[in-house]
Structure formats: C-alpha cells, structure tokens
C-alpha cells in the first residue's frame, strides 16, 4: 500500500469516467454530486450539460458562487482490496460561458466523451484550477520500462528500420482498413497463455502492449475528432509512461482488452473514413509545436499500431 506521486494520481484521476464533486455553501454545509469531467492542463473542467436535471438552479453553482473552493474525488472499489485506489483533487472553481479557456475546456470534454462530440456543451462550463492533489493505491506496480523519449515523427519521412513501415507507400484511403486489419492479430496474441508475462523486467508483456494500443486508438480518435471539429486545435498532452501505471496495464483481463481494441479500432477507423480532400488537409498540433494534417496524423497513428505488433512478434 502506498501513496501516489502527484503525476501518477493526476493520470489516474484524468482516466476516470466520473468523479464526485464536493462543494460547500457560505455556512459550510457540504454538497456532493457526481460529474463527468476532463483534466485540461492544470484545470479540472465540467459542463452544465443536456443531461436531465430536476432544476436548472443547481446547488453546485450556487455554492461555487459564494465559496469557490471545491474538491473532486475519483476512486475504485472492488471486492479484491488489492485493487483499491482513490485520488482527491482540490481546486478553485470559476464558471465560464465564453473565452479561450472555455473553448479548450469544451474541446477537452469532447475528446474524452463521445456524447460531447455528438452534442457539444454550449452552456456554463466550470473551470477549476488545481491547488492540491493526493492519492492512494493498494498495489505497488511492476518496474517501469525506460521512457521512450524519441520523436517518432521521422517515420513520416523515412522507412522504419525496425518494423518496415513506409509512410510514403500508404494510400490515405487505406488507413481505416489497415487499422482494422490489426485487431485479429492482437486477439491472437492475447490468447497466448503467457500474454501477461514480461520477457524481461523492464520490457512490457503482450498484455501491457495491448493496453497501450487500445489507448492509442482512443487518443487518436479524439485527436482526429478535434481536427475535424475545430480549426488547428492543440492536442492535450498524453503521458505514455504514467498511463500504464495509473491504468494498471499489468492487471488487465486479456479477453476484455482484446474486445476493447476491436471496439476502439472501429470507432477510430470511422474518423478517417470518407474524408474529402479538404478534410484530409485540416491541421492540429501537439504542444511541442509538431503540426499534423489528418493525412499525416493517420499515417503516424497507423505506424504506431503496426509497430507494436512487431514489438510483440505478431
């Protein structure tokens, strides 16, 4: 049993589907309510959205108006107590209805939730600056592999000497089918009896690679959606070294991960299907300044998925 680092706690918090929001009125009376949310840089954001409510005069907003100090709690309970964890994020909240941070908050929510991509929030968004983070987990993770700090964008100009991927030979309209063609190979790999065993202490198992691939599908589906929905968006950072720890890749169920890869690949492939020339040319960028078009994003994404099959020998 151990406390989490702030970075690990924030990663696990950000990956949670929902959190409990705690507010208090001017007398100190507490109020708790579940919220869907996104972590955008140093801010926790949530929307007053179209989900049915008993009233539009929400107590959470009334409390924030008189006492902007709030807390968010994400947690997991299982009968196996070695899987327990919780993260509390303290913050200072401020409602917004417009502005650049408002737009970024809505983008973050849309990237995380399909419902918000289908119907973007257009009302109040509460933007809460993080002031403190504390977390606890019942399980100590395995050794962390050496961080991969390479800038892999070179694969858009050169053939990958490790896996043989050649971006220049990829016809953009074949990207969806090639993404979908990888899913059966992951199913086969995950059926191996030793899929959860690491070949070396600091080398991922097939299961851990598969969890990463599932998340790559999610991330690039979100980035593709942002490019198509907004002009030249900046992508939220994704810590690929912390996510395996906070997501407990090593504990995942292989059959479930195989099914999740199938589902995520289908949804991601749809984002690259039937695009016009203009849509293929739309752009987005990483925080380090690297600019992608939909076409180069698709090729970069495809290499990532196919390269990891090479990593696990499939």
C-alpha atoms as a PDB file:
ATOM      1  CA  UNK A   1       0.000   0.000   0.000  1.00  0.00           C
ATOM      2  CA  UNK A   2       1.385   3.382  -0.980  1.00  0.00           C
ATOM      3  CA  UNK A   3       0.571   6.981  -1.649  1.00  0.00           C
ATOM      4  CA  UNK A   4       0.799   8.034  -5.294  1.00  0.00           C
ATOM      5  CA  UNK A   5       3.049  10.655  -6.783  1.00  0.00           C
ATOM      6  CA  UNK A   6       1.151  13.743  -7.889  1.00  0.00           C
ATOM      7  CA  UNK A   7       1.763  12.872 -11.548  1.00  0.00           C
ATOM      8  CA  UNK A   8       0.515   9.306 -11.102  1.00  0.00           C
ATOM      9  CA  UNK A   9      -2.514  10.488  -9.146  1.00  0.00           C
ATOM     10  CA  UNK A  10      -3.459  13.022 -11.824  1.00  0.00           C
ATOM     11  CA  UNK A  11      -3.077  10.426 -14.579  1.00  0.00           C
ATOM     12  CA  UNK A  12      -5.395   8.007 -12.791  1.00  0.00           C
ATOM     13  CA  UNK A  13      -7.823  10.819 -11.982  1.00  0.00           C
ATOM     14  CA  UNK A  14      -7.887  12.013 -15.598  1.00  0.00           C
ATOM     15  CA  UNK A  15      -8.618   8.481 -16.849  1.00  0.00           C
ATOM     16  CA  UNK A  16     -11.655   8.093 -14.582  1.00  0.00           C
ATOM     17  CA  UNK A  17     -15.026   8.265 -16.260  1.00  0.00           C
ATOM     18  CA  UNK A  18     -16.571  10.357 -13.485  1.00  0.00           C
ATOM     19  CA  UNK A  19     -15.750  11.932 -10.146  1.00  0.00           C
ATOM     20  CA  UNK A  20     -17.656  13.164  -7.106  1.00  0.00           C
ATOM     21  CA  UNK A  21     -17.664  16.955  -6.826  1.00  0.00           C
ATOM     22  CA  UNK A  22     -17.684  18.393  -3.332  1.00  0.00           C
ATOM     23  CA  UNK A  23     -18.825  21.982  -2.724  1.00  0.00           C
ATOM     24  CA  UNK A  24     -19.971  23.902   0.356  1.00  0.00           C
ATOM     25  CA  UNK A  25     -22.215  26.900   0.861  1.00  0.00           C
ATOM     26  CA  UNK A  26     -21.390  30.008   2.889  1.00  0.00           C
ATOM     27  CA  UNK A  27     -22.304  28.208   6.113  1.00  0.00           C
ATOM     28  CA  UNK A  28     -20.003  25.283   5.362  1.00  0.00           C
ATOM     29  CA  UNK A  29     -22.830  22.830   4.593  1.00  0.00           C
ATOM     30  CA  UNK A  30     -21.402  20.242   2.156  1.00  0.00           C
ATOM     31  CA  UNK A  31     -22.921  19.102  -1.102  1.00  0.00           C
ATOM     32  CA  UNK A  32     -21.767  16.088  -3.153  1.00  0.00           C
ATOM     33  CA  UNK A  33     -22.712  15.255  -6.732  1.00  0.00           C
ATOM     34  CA  UNK A  34     -21.198  13.047  -9.456  1.00  0.00           C
ATOM     35  CA  UNK A  35     -19.838  14.838 -12.530  1.00  0.00           C
ATOM     36  CA  UNK A  36     -18.266  13.946 -15.833  1.00  0.00           C
ATOM     37  CA  UNK A  37     -15.077  15.941 -16.277  1.00  0.00           C
ATOM     38  CA  UNK A  38     -11.808  16.398 -18.130  1.00  0.00           C
ATOM     39  CA  UNK A  39      -8.364  17.434 -16.974  1.00  0.00           C
ATOM     40  CA  UNK A  40      -7.036  20.215 -19.210  1.00  0.00           C
ATOM     41  CA  UNK A  41      -3.512  21.193 -18.194  1.00  0.00           C
ATOM     42  CA  UNK A  42      -3.866  22.416 -14.587  1.00  0.00           C
ATOM     43  CA  UNK A  43      -7.642  22.681 -14.666  1.00  0.00           C
ATOM     44  CA  UNK A  44     -10.495  20.278 -13.950  1.00  0.00           C
ATOM     45  CA  UNK A  45     -13.432  21.199 -16.189  1.00  0.00           C
ATOM     46  CA  UNK A  46     -17.050  20.054 -16.250  1.00  0.00           C
ATOM     47  CA  UNK A  47     -20.138  21.284 -18.047  1.00  0.00           C
ATOM     48  CA  UNK A  48     -23.697  22.004 -17.050  1.00  0.00           C
ATOM     49  CA  UNK A  49     -24.965  19.968 -19.972  1.00  0.00           C
ATOM     50  CA  UNK A  50     -28.082  18.493 -21.547  1.00  0.00           C
ATOM     51  CA  UNK A  51     -28.406  15.528 -19.170  1.00  0.00           C
ATOM     52  CA  UNK A  52     -31.853  15.631 -17.476  1.00  0.00           C
ATOM     53  CA  UNK A  53     -31.936  17.599 -14.215  1.00  0.00           C
ATOM     54  CA  UNK A  54     -34.647  18.372 -11.736  1.00  0.00           C
ATOM     55  CA  UNK A  55     -33.822  22.094 -11.908  1.00  0.00           C
ATOM     56  CA  UNK A  56     -31.529  24.473 -13.762  1.00  0.00           C
ATOM     57  CA  UNK A  57     -30.818  26.279 -10.466  1.00  0.00           C
ATOM     58  CA  UNK A  58     -28.079  23.924  -9.491  1.00  0.00           C
ATOM     59  CA  UNK A  59     -26.813  23.940  -5.942  1.00  0.00           C
ATOM     60  CA  UNK A  60     -23.257  23.230  -7.072  1.00  0.00           C
ATOM     61  CA  UNK A  61     -23.214  26.535  -8.993  1.00  0.00           C
ATOM     62  CA  UNK A  62     -24.829  28.447  -6.133  1.00  0.00           C
ATOM     63  CA  UNK A  63     -22.223  27.080  -3.732  1.00  0.00           C
ATOM     64  CA  UNK A  64     -19.341  27.929  -6.056  1.00  0.00           C
ATOM     65  CA  UNK A  65     -20.643  31.478  -6.358  1.00  0.00           C
ATOM     66  CA  UNK A  66     -20.190  32.023  -2.612  1.00  0.00           C
ATOM     67  CA  UNK A  67     -17.379  29.533  -1.941  1.00  0.00           C
ATOM     68  CA  UNK A  68     -15.195  28.639  -4.948  1.00  0.00           C
ATOM     69  CA  UNK A  69     -13.081  26.097  -3.025  1.00  0.00           C
ATOM     70  CA  UNK A  70     -14.032  22.640  -4.332  1.00  0.00           C
ATOM     71  CA  UNK A  71     -12.787  19.040  -4.278  1.00  0.00           C
ATOM     72  CA  UNK A  72     -13.105  16.173  -6.750  1.00  0.00           C
ATOM     73  CA  UNK A  73     -12.855  12.515  -5.710  1.00  0.00           C
ATOM     74  CA  UNK A  74     -12.245   9.617  -8.101  1.00  0.00           C
ATOM     75  CA  UNK A  75     -11.945   6.099  -6.738  1.00  0.00           C
ATOM     76  CA  UNK A  76     -12.331   2.411  -7.444  1.00  0.00           C
ATOM     77  CA  UNK A  77     -13.733  -0.262  -5.174  1.00  0.00           C
ATOM     78  CA  UNK A  78     -13.504  -3.992  -5.848  1.00  0.00           C
ATOM     79  CA  UNK A  79     -14.083  -6.977  -3.614  1.00  0.00           C
ATOM     80  CA  UNK A  80     -10.389  -7.730  -4.128  1.00  0.00           C
ATOM     81  CA  UNK A  81      -8.980  -4.994  -1.921  1.00  0.00           C
ATOM     82  CA  UNK A  82      -5.576  -5.121  -3.602  1.00  0.00           C
ATOM     83  CA  UNK A  83      -7.237  -3.152  -6.423  1.00  0.00           C
ATOM     84  CA  UNK A  84      -8.458  -0.251  -4.290  1.00  0.00           C
ATOM     85  CA  UNK A  85      -7.366   3.316  -5.030  1.00  0.00           C
ATOM     86  CA  UNK A  86      -8.558   6.877  -4.666  1.00  0.00           C
ATOM     87  CA  UNK A  87      -7.471  10.340  -5.784  1.00  0.00           C
ATOM     88  CA  UNK A  88      -8.666  13.678  -4.409  1.00  0.00           C
ATOM     89  CA  UNK A  89      -8.059  16.877  -6.354  1.00  0.00           C
ATOM     90  CA  UNK A  90      -8.608  20.193  -4.567  1.00  0.00           C
ATOM     91  CA  UNK A  91      -9.264  23.213  -6.737  1.00  0.00           C
ATOM     92  CA  UNK A  92     -10.653  26.725  -7.022  1.00  0.00           C
ATOM     93  CA  UNK A  93     -13.647  26.887  -9.341  1.00  0.00           C
ATOM     94  CA  UNK A  94     -14.957  29.576 -11.660  1.00  0.00           C
ATOM     95  CA  UNK A  95     -17.922  29.227 -14.066  1.00  0.00           C
ATOM     96  CA  UNK A  96     -17.439  30.442 -17.655  1.00  0.00           C
ATOM     97  CA  UNK A  97     -19.613  30.837 -20.734  1.00  0.00           C
ATOM     98  CA  UNK A  98     -17.039  32.054 -23.266  1.00  0.00           C
ATOM     99  CA  UNK A  99     -13.345  32.725 -23.856  1.00  0.00           C
ATOM    100  CA  UNK A 100     -10.288  30.782 -24.955  1.00  0.00           C
ATOM    101  CA  UNK A 101     -10.170  28.634 -21.814  1.00  0.00           C
ATOM    102  CA  UNK A 102     -13.869  27.889 -22.241  1.00  0.00           C
ATOM    103  CA  UNK A 103     -13.182  26.649 -25.773  1.00  0.00           C
ATOM    104  CA  UNK A 104     -10.289  24.494 -24.575  1.00  0.00           C
ATOM    105  CA  UNK A 105     -12.443  23.063 -21.798  1.00  0.00           C
ATOM    106  CA  UNK A 106     -15.175  22.057 -24.237  1.00  0.00           C
ATOM    107  CA  UNK A 107     -12.535  20.540 -26.547  1.00  0.00           C
ATOM    108  CA  UNK A 108     -11.186  18.512 -23.631  1.00  0.00           C
ATOM    109  CA  UNK A 109     -14.637  17.229 -22.719  1.00  0.00           C
ATOM    110  CA  UNK A 110     -15.391  16.345 -26.350  1.00  0.00           C
ATOM    111  CA  UNK A 111     -12.095  14.484 -26.668  1.00  0.00           C
ATOM    112  CA  UNK A 112     -12.946  12.371 -23.616  1.00  0.00           C
ATOM    113  CA  UNK A 113     -16.670  11.690 -24.088  1.00  0.00           C
ATOM    114  CA  UNK A 114     -18.424  10.594 -27.273  1.00  0.00           C
ATOM    115  CA  UNK A 115     -21.656  12.156 -26.044  1.00  0.00           C
ATOM    116  CA  UNK A 116     -19.989  15.572 -26.037  1.00  0.00           C
ATOM    117  CA  UNK A 117     -18.633  15.037 -29.540  1.00  0.00           C
ATOM    118  CA  UNK A 118     -22.190  14.366 -30.704  1.00  0.00           C
ATOM    119  CA  UNK A 119     -23.612  17.313 -28.766  1.00  0.00           C
ATOM    120  CA  UNK A 120     -21.000  19.826 -27.623  1.00  0.00           C
ATOM    121  CA  UNK A 121     -21.761  21.696 -24.394  1.00  0.00           C
ATOM    122  CA  UNK A 122     -22.894  25.249 -25.077  1.00  0.00           C
ATOM    123  CA  UNK A 123     -23.831  26.419 -21.597  1.00  0.00           C
ATOM    124  CA  UNK A 124     -21.938  27.004 -18.387  1.00  0.00           C
ATOM    125  CA  UNK A 125     -18.597  25.246 -18.019  1.00  0.00           C
ATOM    126  CA  UNK A 126     -16.951  25.244 -14.594  1.00  0.00           C
ATOM    127  CA  UNK A 127     -13.174  25.657 -14.815  1.00  0.00           C
ATOM    128  CA  UNK A 128     -11.326  24.714 -11.639  1.00  0.00           C
ATOM    129  CA  UNK A 129      -7.637  25.455 -11.154  1.00  0.00           C
ATOM    130  CA  UNK A 130      -5.935  22.574  -9.337  1.00  0.00           C
ATOM    131  CA  UNK A 131      -4.460  23.609  -5.979  1.00  0.00           C
ATOM    132  CA  UNK A 132      -3.662  20.212  -4.459  1.00  0.00           C
ATOM    133  CA  UNK A 133      -3.553  16.512  -5.308  1.00  0.00           C
ATOM    134  CA  UNK A 134      -3.400  13.463  -3.036  1.00  0.00           C
ATOM    135  CA  UNK A 135      -3.860   9.811  -3.913  1.00  0.00           C
ATOM    136  CA  UNK A 136      -3.514   6.309  -2.513  1.00  0.00           C
ATOM    137  CA  UNK A 137      -3.298   2.857  -4.070  1.00  0.00           C
ATOM    138  CA  UNK A 138      -3.294  -0.593  -2.534  1.00  0.00           C
ATOM    139  CA  UNK A 139      -0.950  -2.040  -5.132  1.00  0.00           C
ATOM    140  CA  UNK A 140       2.674  -1.340  -5.986  1.00  0.00           C
ATOM    141  CA  UNK A 141       3.245  -1.501  -9.786  1.00  0.00           C
ATOM    142  CA  UNK A 142       5.976  -3.533 -11.516  1.00  0.00           C
ATOM    143  CA  UNK A 143       9.212  -1.971 -12.744  1.00  0.00           C
ATOM    144  CA  UNK A 144       8.704   0.895 -15.197  1.00  0.00           C
ATOM    145  CA  UNK A 145      10.337   0.403 -18.604  1.00  0.00           C
ATOM    146  CA  UNK A 146      12.820   3.007 -19.786  1.00  0.00           C
ATOM    147  CA  UNK A 147      10.874   6.038 -21.089  1.00  0.00           C
ATOM    148  CA  UNK A 148      10.701   6.292 -24.884  1.00  0.00           C
ATOM    149  CA  UNK A 149      11.612   9.929 -25.465  1.00  0.00           C
ATOM    150  CA  UNK A 150      12.195   9.672 -29.226  1.00  0.00           C
ATOM    151  CA  UNK A 151      10.332  11.996 -31.571  1.00  0.00           C
ATOM    152  CA  UNK A 152       8.791   9.401 -33.871  1.00  0.00           C
ATOM    153  CA  UNK A 153       7.543  11.961 -36.415  1.00  0.00           C
ATOM    154  CA  UNK A 154      10.553  10.998 -38.560  1.00  0.00           C
ATOM    155  CA  UNK A 155       8.572   7.932 -39.688  1.00  0.00           C
ATOM    156  CA  UNK A 156       6.554  10.300 -41.886  1.00  0.00           C
ATOM    157  CA  UNK A 157       9.663  10.912 -43.996  1.00  0.00           C
ATOM    158  CA  UNK A 158      11.699   7.714 -43.597  1.00  0.00           C
ATOM    159  CA  UNK A 159      11.125   3.968 -43.618  1.00  0.00           C
ATOM    160  CA  UNK A 160      11.072   2.480 -40.105  1.00  0.00           C
ATOM    161  CA  UNK A 161      14.070   0.172 -39.936  1.00  0.00           C
ATOM    162  CA  UNK A 162      12.565  -1.788 -37.033  1.00  0.00           C
ATOM    163  CA  UNK A 163       9.141  -2.734 -38.390  1.00  0.00           C
ATOM    164  CA  UNK A 164       9.486  -1.858 -42.091  1.00  0.00           C
ATOM    165  CA  UNK A 165       6.643   0.687 -42.141  1.00  0.00           C
ATOM    166  CA  UNK A 166       6.967   3.037 -45.128  1.00  0.00           C
ATOM    167  CA  UNK A 167       4.721   6.087 -44.821  1.00  0.00           C
ATOM    168  CA  UNK A 168       5.255   7.110 -48.445  1.00  0.00           C
ATOM    169  CA  UNK A 169       3.628   3.877 -49.642  1.00  0.00           C
ATOM    170  CA  UNK A 170       0.473   4.325 -47.549  1.00  0.00           C
ATOM    171  CA  UNK A 171      -2.505   5.481 -49.584  1.00  0.00           C
ATOM    172  CA  UNK A 172      -4.528   7.599 -47.163  1.00  0.00           C
ATOM    173  CA  UNK A 173      -7.844   5.953 -48.021  1.00  0.00           C
ATOM    174  CA  UNK A 174      -6.432   2.575 -46.912  1.00  0.00           C
ATOM    175  CA  UNK A 175      -5.714   3.772 -43.360  1.00  0.00           C
ATOM    176  CA  UNK A 176      -9.083   2.644 -41.898  1.00  0.00           C
ATOM    177  CA  UNK A 177      -8.831  -0.868 -43.363  1.00  0.00           C
ATOM    178  CA  UNK A 178      -5.221  -1.276 -42.248  1.00  0.00           C
ATOM    179  CA  UNK A 179      -6.141  -0.214 -38.720  1.00  0.00           C
ATOM    180  CA  UNK A 180      -8.960  -2.751 -38.616  1.00  0.00           C
ATOM    181  CA  UNK A 181      -6.723  -5.464 -40.044  1.00  0.00           C
ATOM    182  CA  UNK A 182      -4.537  -5.332 -36.924  1.00  0.00           C
ATOM    183  CA  UNK A 183      -7.277  -6.295 -34.485  1.00  0.00           C
ATOM    184  CA  UNK A 184      -7.312 -10.005 -35.283  1.00  0.00           C
ATOM    185  CA  UNK A 185      -3.575 -10.220 -34.757  1.00  0.00           C
ATOM    186  CA  UNK A 186      -3.963  -8.666 -31.310  1.00  0.00           C
ATOM    187  CA  UNK A 187      -6.714 -11.166 -30.482  1.00  0.00           C
ATOM    188  CA  UNK A 188      -4.350 -13.991 -31.417  1.00  0.00           C
ATOM    189  CA  UNK A 189      -1.508 -12.535 -29.366  1.00  0.00           C
ATOM    190  CA  UNK A 190      -3.719 -12.061 -26.318  1.00  0.00           C
ATOM    191  CA  UNK A 191      -4.876 -15.685 -26.415  1.00  0.00           C
ATOM    192  CA  UNK A 192      -1.375 -16.831 -25.560  1.00  0.00           C
ATOM    193  CA  UNK A 193      -1.072 -18.363 -22.108  1.00  0.00           C
ATOM    194  CA  UNK A 194       1.982 -16.186 -21.405  1.00  0.00           C
ATOM    195  CA  UNK A 195       0.448 -12.917 -22.687  1.00  0.00           C
ATOM    196  CA  UNK A 196       0.748 -11.384 -19.225  1.00  0.00           C
ATOM    197  CA  UNK A 197       4.386 -12.398 -18.664  1.00  0.00           C
ATOM    198  CA  UNK A 198       7.157  -9.890 -19.233  1.00  0.00           C
ATOM    199  CA  UNK A 199      10.087 -11.168 -21.339  1.00  0.00           C
ATOM    200  CA  UNK A 200      12.377  -9.008 -19.191  1.00  0.00           C
ATOM    201  CA  UNK A 201      11.889  -6.940 -16.053  1.00  0.00           C
ATOM    202  CA  UNK A 202      11.657  -3.620 -17.896  1.00  0.00           C
ATOM    203  CA  UNK A 203      10.016  -4.849 -21.112  1.00  0.00           C
ATOM    204  CA  UNK A 204       6.232  -4.828 -21.445  1.00  0.00           C
ATOM    205  CA  UNK A 205       4.278  -8.034 -21.762  1.00  0.00           C
ATOM    206  CA  UNK A 206       1.951  -8.634 -24.719  1.00  0.00           C
ATOM    207  CA  UNK A 207      -0.920  -7.656 -22.418  1.00  0.00           C
ATOM    208  CA  UNK A 208       0.688  -4.345 -21.498  1.00  0.00           C
ATOM    209  CA  UNK A 209       1.433  -3.536 -25.152  1.00  0.00           C
ATOM    210  CA  UNK A 210      -2.177  -4.369 -25.999  1.00  0.00           C
ATOM    211  CA  UNK A 211      -3.475  -1.996 -23.315  1.00  0.00           C
ATOM    212  CA  UNK A 212      -1.259   0.715 -24.770  1.00  0.00           C
ATOM    213  CA  UNK A 213      -2.598   0.044 -28.284  1.00  0.00           C
ATOM    214  CA  UNK A 214      -6.177   0.266 -27.001  1.00  0.00           C
ATOM    215  CA  UNK A 215      -5.363   3.666 -25.524  1.00  0.00           C
ATOM    216  CA  UNK A 216      -3.569   4.800 -28.688  1.00  0.00           C
ATOM    217  CA  UNK A 217      -6.806   4.129 -30.593  1.00  0.00           C
ATOM    218  CA  UNK A 218      -8.713   6.262 -28.065  1.00  0.00           C
ATOM    219  CA  UNK A 219      -6.211   9.118 -28.150  1.00  0.00           C
ATOM    220  CA  UNK A 220      -6.004   9.335 -31.936  1.00  0.00           C
ATOM    221  CA  UNK A 221      -9.761   9.030 -32.344  1.00  0.00           C
ATOM    222  CA  UNK A 222     -10.041  12.049 -30.062  1.00  0.00           C
ATOM    223  CA  UNK A 223      -7.341  13.978 -31.912  1.00  0.00           C
ATOM    224  CA  UNK A 224      -8.909  13.234 -35.282  1.00  0.00           C
ATOM    225  CA  UNK A 225     -12.255  14.421 -33.955  1.00  0.00           C
ATOM    226  CA  UNK A 226     -10.718  17.671 -32.740  1.00  0.00           C
ATOM    227  CA  UNK A 227      -9.095  18.348 -36.117  1.00  0.00           C
ATOM    228  CA  UNK A 228     -12.385  17.801 -37.919  1.00  0.00           C
ATOM    229  CA  UNK A 229     -14.419  19.852 -35.413  1.00  0.00           C
ATOM    230  CA  UNK A 230     -12.119  22.806 -34.782  1.00  0.00           C
ATOM    231  CA  UNK A 231      -9.584  24.918 -36.653  1.00  0.00           C
ATOM    232  CA  UNK A 232      -5.986  23.950 -35.875  1.00  0.00           C
ATOM    233  CA  UNK A 233      -6.602  22.636 -32.317  1.00  0.00           C
ATOM    234  CA  UNK A 234      -3.798  21.895 -29.852  1.00  0.00           C
ATOM    235  CA  UNK A 235      -3.880  18.350 -28.545  1.00  0.00           C
ATOM    236  CA  UNK A 236      -3.811  17.693 -24.823  1.00  0.00           C
ATOM    237  CA  UNK A 237      -0.583  16.086 -23.630  1.00  0.00           C
ATOM    238  CA  UNK A 238      -0.623  12.339 -23.034  1.00  0.00           C
ATOM    239  CA  UNK A 239       1.919  10.861 -20.638  1.00  0.00           C
ATOM    240  CA  UNK A 240       2.569   7.425 -22.109  1.00  0.00           C
ATOM    241  CA  UNK A 241       4.857   6.476 -19.225  1.00  0.00           C
ATOM    242  CA  UNK A 242       2.461   7.282 -16.380  1.00  0.00           C
ATOM    243  CA  UNK A 243      -0.672   5.893 -18.052  1.00  0.00           C
ATOM    244  CA  UNK A 244       0.402   2.217 -17.807  1.00  0.00           C
ATOM    245  CA  UNK A 245       0.930   2.676 -14.070  1.00  0.00           C
ATOM    246  CA  UNK A 246      -2.283   4.541 -13.365  1.00  0.00           C
ATOM    247  CA  UNK A 247      -4.225   2.269 -15.716  1.00  0.00           C
ATOM    248  CA  UNK A 248      -2.642  -0.850 -14.177  1.00  0.00           C
ATOM    249  CA  UNK A 249      -1.960  -2.438 -17.550  1.00  0.00           C
ATOM    250  CA  UNK A 250      -0.383  -5.476 -15.904  1.00  0.00           C
ATOM    251  CA  UNK A 251      -3.668  -6.321 -14.152  1.00  0.00           C
ATOM    252  CA  UNK A 252      -5.931  -6.151 -17.189  1.00  0.00           C
ATOM    253  CA  UNK A 253      -8.057  -9.044 -18.407  1.00  0.00           C
ATOM    254  CA  UNK A 254      -6.722 -10.198 -21.780  1.00  0.00           C
ATOM    255  CA  UNK A 255     -10.114 -11.105 -23.272  1.00  0.00           C
ATOM    256  CA  UNK A 256     -11.574  -7.774 -22.244  1.00  0.00           C
ATOM    257  CA  UNK A 257      -8.627  -5.862 -23.693  1.00  0.00           C
ATOM    258  CA  UNK A 258      -8.992  -7.752 -26.998  1.00  0.00           C
ATOM    259  CA  UNK A 259     -12.657  -6.725 -27.153  1.00  0.00           C
ATOM    260  CA  UNK A 260     -11.778  -3.116 -26.273  1.00  0.00           C
ATOM    261  CA  UNK A 261      -9.173  -2.998 -29.041  1.00  0.00           C
ATOM    262  CA  UNK A 262     -11.807  -4.217 -31.520  1.00  0.00           C
ATOM    263  CA  UNK A 263     -14.270  -1.549 -30.390  1.00  0.00           C
ATOM    264  CA  UNK A 264     -11.802   1.320 -30.218  1.00  0.00           C
ATOM    265  CA  UNK A 265     -10.266   0.464 -33.601  1.00  0.00           C
ATOM    266  CA  UNK A 266     -13.695   0.510 -35.265  1.00  0.00           C
ATOM    267  CA  UNK A 267     -14.514   3.914 -33.800  1.00  0.00           C
ATOM    268  CA  UNK A 268     -11.099   5.334 -34.669  1.00  0.00           C
ATOM    269  CA  UNK A 269     -11.191   3.981 -38.222  1.00  0.00           C
ATOM    270  CA  UNK A 270     -14.527   5.725 -38.760  1.00  0.00           C
ATOM    271  CA  UNK A 271     -12.841   9.081 -38.097  1.00  0.00           C
ATOM    272  CA  UNK A 272     -10.597   8.516 -41.134  1.00  0.00           C
ATOM    273  CA  UNK A 273     -13.303   7.136 -43.434  1.00  0.00           C
ATOM    274  CA  UNK A 274     -14.936   9.025 -46.308  1.00  0.00           C
ATOM    275  CA  UNK A 275     -12.973  12.259 -45.886  1.00  0.00           C
ATOM    276  CA  UNK A 276     -12.845  14.947 -48.544  1.00  0.00           C
ATOM    277  CA  UNK A 277      -9.562  16.413 -49.801  1.00  0.00           C
ATOM    278  CA  UNK A 278     -10.217  19.460 -47.646  1.00  0.00           C
ATOM    279  CA  UNK A 279     -10.773  17.338 -44.549  1.00  0.00           C
ATOM    280  CA  UNK A 280      -7.576  15.363 -45.150  1.00  0.00           C
ATOM    281  CA  UNK A 281      -5.728  18.694 -45.181  1.00  0.00           C
ATOM    282  CA  UNK A 282      -7.126  20.047 -41.910  1.00  0.00           C
ATOM    283  CA  UNK A 283      -4.498  20.525 -39.207  1.00  0.00           C
ATOM    284  CA  UNK A 284      -3.890  20.102 -35.479  1.00  0.00           C
ATOM    285  CA  UNK A 285      -0.775  20.354 -33.358  1.00  0.00           C
ATOM    286  CA  UNK A 286       0.960  18.940 -30.331  1.00  0.00           C
ATOM    287  CA  UNK A 287       2.079  21.198 -27.507  1.00  0.00           C
ATOM    288  CA  UNK A 288       5.708  20.894 -28.743  1.00  0.00           C
ATOM    289  CA  UNK A 289       4.690  22.587 -31.999  1.00  0.00           C
ATOM    290  CA  UNK A 290       4.566  19.494 -34.245  1.00  0.00           C
ATOM    291  CA  UNK A 291       1.822  20.059 -36.814  1.00  0.00           C
ATOM    292  CA  UNK A 292      -0.212  17.217 -38.330  1.00  0.00           C
ATOM    293  CA  UNK A 293      -2.759  17.122 -41.104  1.00  0.00           C
ATOM    294  CA  UNK A 294      -5.454  14.476 -40.927  1.00  0.00           C
ATOM    295  CA  UNK A 295      -3.420  12.567 -43.502  1.00  0.00           C
ATOM    296  CA  UNK A 296      -0.105  12.687 -41.628  1.00  0.00           C
ATOM    297  CA  UNK A 297      -1.872  12.041 -38.317  1.00  0.00           C
ATOM    298  CA  UNK A 298      -3.420   8.913 -39.815  1.00  0.00           C
ATOM    299  CA  UNK A 299      -0.101   7.646 -41.135  1.00  0.00           C
ATOM    300  CA  UNK A 300       1.699   8.378 -37.859  1.00  0.00           C
ATOM    301  CA  UNK A 301      -1.085   6.638 -35.926  1.00  0.00           C
ATOM    302  CA  UNK A 302      -1.056   3.613 -38.253  1.00  0.00           C
ATOM    303  CA  UNK A 303       2.689   3.194 -37.785  1.00  0.00           C
ATOM    304  CA  UNK A 304       2.263   3.209 -34.000  1.00  0.00           C
ATOM    305  CA  UNK A 305      -0.316   0.400 -34.147  1.00  0.00           C
ATOM    306  CA  UNK A 306       1.571  -1.760 -36.657  1.00  0.00           C
ATOM    307  CA  UNK A 307       4.937  -1.166 -34.960  1.00  0.00           C
ATOM    308  CA  UNK A 308       3.670  -2.566 -31.668  1.00  0.00           C
ATOM    309  CA  UNK A 309       2.610  -5.774 -33.410  1.00  0.00           C
ATOM    310  CA  UNK A 310       6.259  -6.043 -34.462  1.00  0.00           C
ATOM    311  CA  UNK A 311       7.253  -5.438 -30.824  1.00  0.00           C
ATOM    312  CA  UNK A 312       5.276  -8.492 -29.680  1.00  0.00           C
ATOM    313  CA  UNK A 313       6.198 -10.696 -32.647  1.00  0.00           C
ATOM    314  CA  UNK A 314       2.880 -10.623 -34.465  1.00  0.00           C
END
